[in-house]
N, C-alpha and C. Protein backbone atom coordinates (compact mmCIF):
# COMPACT_ATOMS: atom_id res chain seq x y z
N MET A 1 -30.92 10.59 5.09
CA MET A 1 -30.37 9.82 4.73
C MET A 1 -30.34 7.97 4.33
N ILE A 2 -30.54 8.05 6.03
CA ILE A 2 -30.85 6.65 5.60
C ILE A 2 -31.50 6.16 4.79
N GLY A 3 -32.10 6.07 4.62
CA GLY A 3 -33.56 6.31 3.73
C GLY A 3 -32.79 6.40 2.76
N LEU A 4 -32.20 6.85 1.94
CA LEU A 4 -31.39 7.04 0.20
C LEU A 4 -30.97 5.82 0.40
N HIS A 5 -30.09 6.09 0.99
CA HIS A 5 -28.81 4.39 1.23
C HIS A 5 -29.82 3.36 1.18
N LEU A 6 -30.82 3.35 2.09
CA LEU A 6 -30.96 2.09 1.97
C LEU A 6 -31.79 1.53 0.83
N ALA A 7 -32.54 2.83 0.30
CA ALA A 7 -32.51 3.01 -1.47
C ALA A 7 -31.66 2.43 -2.02
N THR A 8 -30.89 2.91 -2.37
CA THR A 8 -29.73 3.47 -3.16
C THR A 8 -29.25 1.85 -2.83
N ALA A 9 -28.95 1.41 -1.78
CA ALA A 9 -28.66 -0.43 -1.35
C ALA A 9 -30.10 -1.53 -1.82
N LEU A 10 -31.28 -1.23 -1.97
CA LEU A 10 -32.23 -1.93 -2.47
C LEU A 10 -31.74 -2.31 -4.00
N ALA A 11 -31.80 -1.03 -5.01
CA ALA A 11 -31.94 -0.68 -5.94
C ALA A 11 -30.41 -1.19 -6.75
N LEU A 12 -29.54 -1.27 -6.48
CA LEU A 12 -28.39 -2.31 -6.75
C LEU A 12 -29.07 -4.04 -6.79
N VAL A 13 -29.59 -4.01 -4.95
CA VAL A 13 -29.25 -5.51 -5.08
C VAL A 13 -30.35 -5.75 -6.31
N VAL A 14 -31.82 -5.47 -6.35
CA VAL A 14 -32.01 -5.63 -7.33
C VAL A 14 -31.83 -5.94 -8.77
N SER A 15 -31.20 -5.21 -9.45
CA SER A 15 -30.61 -4.55 -10.78
C SER A 15 -29.69 -5.39 -10.90
N PHE A 16 -28.79 -5.86 -10.06
CA PHE A 16 -27.50 -6.45 -10.09
C PHE A 16 -27.29 -8.07 -9.26
N TRP A 17 -29.61 -8.14 -8.93
CA TRP A 17 -29.16 -9.78 -8.28
C TRP A 17 -28.92 -10.95 -9.57
N ARG A 18 -28.93 -11.14 -10.68
CA ARG A 18 -27.93 -12.09 -10.83
C ARG A 18 -26.44 -12.14 -10.84
N ASP A 19 -25.74 -10.90 -10.52
CA ASP A 19 -24.64 -10.87 -10.17
C ASP A 19 -24.22 -11.87 -8.87
N TRP A 20 -24.99 -11.24 -8.17
CA TRP A 20 -24.69 -11.12 -6.94
C TRP A 20 -24.86 -12.88 -6.37
N ILE A 21 -25.87 -13.83 -7.11
CA ILE A 21 -26.01 -14.83 -6.73
C ILE A 21 -24.84 -15.11 -7.42
N ARG A 22 -24.53 -14.92 -8.60
CA ARG A 22 -22.81 -15.18 -9.08
C ARG A 22 -21.26 -15.90 -8.57
N VAL A 23 -21.58 -14.54 -7.84
CA VAL A 23 -20.07 -13.70 -6.73
C VAL A 23 -20.63 -14.67 -5.07
N ILE A 24 -21.68 -14.87 -4.52
CA ILE A 24 -22.19 -15.96 -3.80
C ILE A 24 -21.70 -17.49 -4.01
N ARG A 25 -22.50 -17.57 -4.97
CA ARG A 25 -22.07 -18.95 -5.07
C ARG A 25 -20.45 -19.19 -5.43
N GLY A 26 -19.74 -18.30 -5.87
CA GLY A 26 -18.30 -18.58 -6.55
C GLY A 26 -17.82 -18.58 -5.40
N LEU A 27 -17.82 -17.78 -3.95
CA LEU A 27 -17.47 -18.05 -3.29
C LEU A 27 -17.65 -18.79 -1.89
N SER A 28 -19.09 -19.70 -1.90
CA SER A 28 -19.28 -20.80 -1.10
C SER A 28 -18.65 -22.01 -1.93
N THR A 29 -18.29 -21.72 -3.44
CA THR A 29 -17.85 -22.96 -3.91
C THR A 29 -16.27 -23.28 -3.63
N SER A 30 -15.19 -21.96 -3.77
CA SER A 30 -14.17 -21.37 -4.00
C SER A 30 -13.84 -21.79 -2.13
N VAL A 31 -14.37 -21.57 -1.49
CA VAL A 31 -14.24 -21.82 0.54
C VAL A 31 -14.29 -23.36 0.52
N THR A 32 -15.36 -24.31 -0.14
CA THR A 32 -15.34 -25.56 0.07
C THR A 32 -14.64 -26.42 -0.20
N GLN A 33 -13.91 -26.17 -1.86
CA GLN A 33 -12.82 -26.80 -2.47
C GLN A 33 -11.38 -26.15 -2.17
N TRP A 34 -11.66 -25.23 -1.36
CA TRP A 34 -9.91 -24.89 -1.12
C TRP A 34 -8.93 -24.25 -2.02
N ARG A 35 -10.25 -23.81 -3.56
CA ARG A 35 -9.21 -23.12 -5.07
C ARG A 35 -10.24 -22.45 -5.38
N ILE A 36 -9.00 -21.56 -6.25
CA ILE A 36 -10.03 -21.08 -7.31
C ILE A 36 -10.15 -21.78 -8.96
N GLN A 37 -11.16 -21.68 -9.34
CA GLN A 37 -11.26 -22.81 -10.31
C GLN A 37 -11.73 -21.64 -11.77
N THR A 38 -12.66 -20.93 -11.47
CA THR A 38 -13.97 -20.22 -12.38
C THR A 38 -13.47 -18.78 -11.74
N VAL A 39 -13.99 -17.81 -13.03
CA VAL A 39 -14.02 -16.37 -13.34
C VAL A 39 -14.98 -15.85 -11.67
N ASP A 40 -15.98 -16.55 -11.14
CA ASP A 40 -16.93 -16.19 -10.21
C ASP A 40 -15.88 -16.17 -8.85
N GLN A 41 -15.41 -17.41 -9.16
CA GLN A 41 -14.80 -18.05 -7.63
C GLN A 41 -13.64 -16.68 -7.35
N ARG A 42 -12.76 -16.35 -8.53
CA ARG A 42 -11.50 -14.90 -8.48
C ARG A 42 -12.40 -13.87 -8.24
N LEU A 43 -13.60 -13.79 -8.91
CA LEU A 43 -14.11 -11.76 -8.10
C LEU A 43 -14.49 -12.13 -6.47
N ALA A 44 -15.32 -13.36 -6.63
CA ALA A 44 -15.85 -13.15 -4.81
C ALA A 44 -13.87 -13.13 -4.06
N ARG A 45 -13.32 -13.70 -4.18
CA ARG A 45 -11.71 -13.85 -3.67
C ARG A 45 -10.92 -12.27 -3.35
N LEU A 46 -11.26 -11.40 -4.83
CA LEU A 46 -10.57 -10.37 -4.84
C LEU A 46 -11.97 -9.49 -4.44
N ILE A 47 -13.35 -9.59 -4.36
CA ILE A 47 -13.55 -8.29 -3.97
C ILE A 47 -13.46 -8.73 -2.48
N ILE A 48 -13.16 -10.01 -1.18
CA ILE A 48 -13.34 -9.69 0.12
C ILE A 48 -11.89 -9.06 0.15
N MET A 49 -10.88 -9.76 -0.77
CA MET A 49 -9.18 -9.32 -0.22
C MET A 49 -8.94 -7.33 -0.48
N ALA A 50 -10.18 -7.00 -1.36
CA ALA A 50 -10.28 -5.14 -1.85
C ALA A 50 -10.59 -4.91 -0.44
N THR A 51 -11.89 -5.37 0.40
CA THR A 51 -12.81 -5.29 1.01
C THR A 51 -11.88 -4.58 2.25
N ILE A 52 -11.00 -5.81 2.80
CA ILE A 52 -10.21 -5.58 4.02
C ILE A 52 -9.41 -4.78 4.16
N PRO A 53 -8.65 -4.09 3.51
CA PRO A 53 -7.50 -2.98 3.57
C PRO A 53 -8.15 -1.60 3.67
N VAL A 54 -9.38 -1.56 3.28
CA VAL A 54 -10.59 -0.53 3.33
C VAL A 54 -11.04 -0.10 4.24
N GLY A 55 -11.69 -1.64 5.33
CA GLY A 55 -12.11 -1.63 6.20
C GLY A 55 -11.13 -1.03 7.61
N VAL A 56 -9.54 -1.56 7.25
CA VAL A 56 -8.93 -1.48 8.17
C VAL A 56 -8.77 0.09 8.04
N ALA A 57 -8.50 0.83 7.52
CA ALA A 57 -8.27 1.97 6.99
C ALA A 57 -9.22 3.06 7.76
N GLY A 58 -10.11 2.42 7.55
CA GLY A 58 -11.61 3.53 7.62
C GLY A 58 -11.76 3.42 9.32
N ILE A 59 -11.36 1.76 10.13
CA ILE A 59 -11.15 2.05 11.66
C ILE A 59 -10.25 2.69 12.08
N ALA A 60 -8.57 2.43 10.98
CA ALA A 60 -7.73 3.73 11.84
C ALA A 60 -8.01 5.30 11.60
N LEU A 61 -8.33 5.19 10.57
CA LEU A 61 -9.00 6.96 10.43
C LEU A 61 -9.95 7.16 10.76
N ASP A 62 -10.76 6.40 11.44
CA ASP A 62 -12.16 6.95 11.91
C ASP A 62 -11.98 8.92 12.47
N LYS A 63 -11.63 8.65 13.39
CA LYS A 63 -11.61 9.70 13.97
C LYS A 63 -10.73 10.98 13.41
N LEU A 64 -9.37 11.08 12.76
CA LEU A 64 -9.22 11.96 11.91
C LEU A 64 -10.38 12.44 11.02
N PHE A 65 -10.65 11.60 10.21
CA PHE A 65 -11.96 11.89 9.19
C PHE A 65 -12.96 12.57 9.86
N ARG A 66 -13.68 11.81 10.94
CA ARG A 66 -14.40 12.62 11.55
C ARG A 66 -14.40 14.10 12.46
N THR A 67 -13.39 14.35 12.95
CA THR A 67 -12.98 15.53 12.92
C THR A 67 -12.22 16.59 12.03
N THR A 68 -12.44 15.81 10.93
CA THR A 68 -11.48 17.00 9.74
C THR A 68 -12.46 16.94 8.87
N LEU A 69 -13.16 16.24 8.65
CA LEU A 69 -14.08 16.51 7.67
C LEU A 69 -15.40 16.46 8.37
N GLY A 70 -15.59 16.82 9.71
CA GLY A 70 -16.89 16.95 10.25
C GLY A 70 -17.17 18.65 10.25
N ARG A 71 -15.80 19.09 10.03
CA ARG A 71 -15.85 20.67 10.06
C ARG A 71 -17.03 21.61 8.87
N PRO A 72 -17.14 22.49 8.56
CA PRO A 72 -17.70 22.84 7.44
C PRO A 72 -17.17 23.27 6.13
N VAL A 73 -16.07 23.90 6.84
CA VAL A 73 -14.78 24.41 5.64
C VAL A 73 -14.00 23.45 5.15
N PRO A 74 -13.45 22.91 5.30
CA PRO A 74 -13.22 21.40 5.19
C PRO A 74 -13.79 20.51 4.08
N THR A 75 -15.16 20.65 4.45
CA THR A 75 -16.01 19.27 3.75
C THR A 75 -16.20 20.39 2.56
N ALA A 76 -16.66 21.67 2.52
CA ALA A 76 -17.22 22.58 1.56
C ALA A 76 -15.83 22.66 0.74
N ILE A 77 -14.83 22.75 0.88
CA ILE A 77 -13.22 22.54 0.09
C ILE A 77 -13.61 21.25 -0.77
N PHE A 78 -13.62 20.44 0.02
CA PHE A 78 -13.42 18.43 -0.21
C PHE A 78 -14.26 18.61 -1.41
N LEU A 79 -15.68 18.86 -0.90
CA LEU A 79 -16.90 18.93 -1.87
C LEU A 79 -17.02 19.90 -3.37
N SER A 80 -16.32 21.13 -3.06
CA SER A 80 -16.39 22.11 -4.74
C SER A 80 -15.69 21.12 -5.53
N SER A 81 -14.03 20.42 -4.42
CA SER A 81 -13.38 20.60 -5.76
C SER A 81 -14.13 19.84 -6.87
N ARG A 82 -14.95 18.07 -6.16
CA ARG A 82 -15.08 17.43 -7.18
C ARG A 82 -16.10 17.79 -7.68
N CYS A 83 -16.49 18.89 -7.83
CA CYS A 83 -17.75 19.32 -8.81
C CYS A 83 -17.52 20.16 -9.69
N GLN A 84 -15.62 20.24 -10.22
CA GLN A 84 -15.16 20.51 -11.51
C GLN A 84 -15.08 20.01 -12.62
């Protein structure tokens, strides 16, 4: 399973390397200049701002997800509802 996730991440990096460079460059310039002037700078800031609430929710609800979705029946129901 870890190999699959690593291969997927590697494929995304290889496929979108130009976009990753633009976002990283936009983030570095927006941090050093303390303002947003370009689309790349805005995109980099929005990615960071969108990641923070998801990370906080993941940390706060970690035990709930592991105990609820770790059992076979709720997981099967969740997965089967997505297949329709």
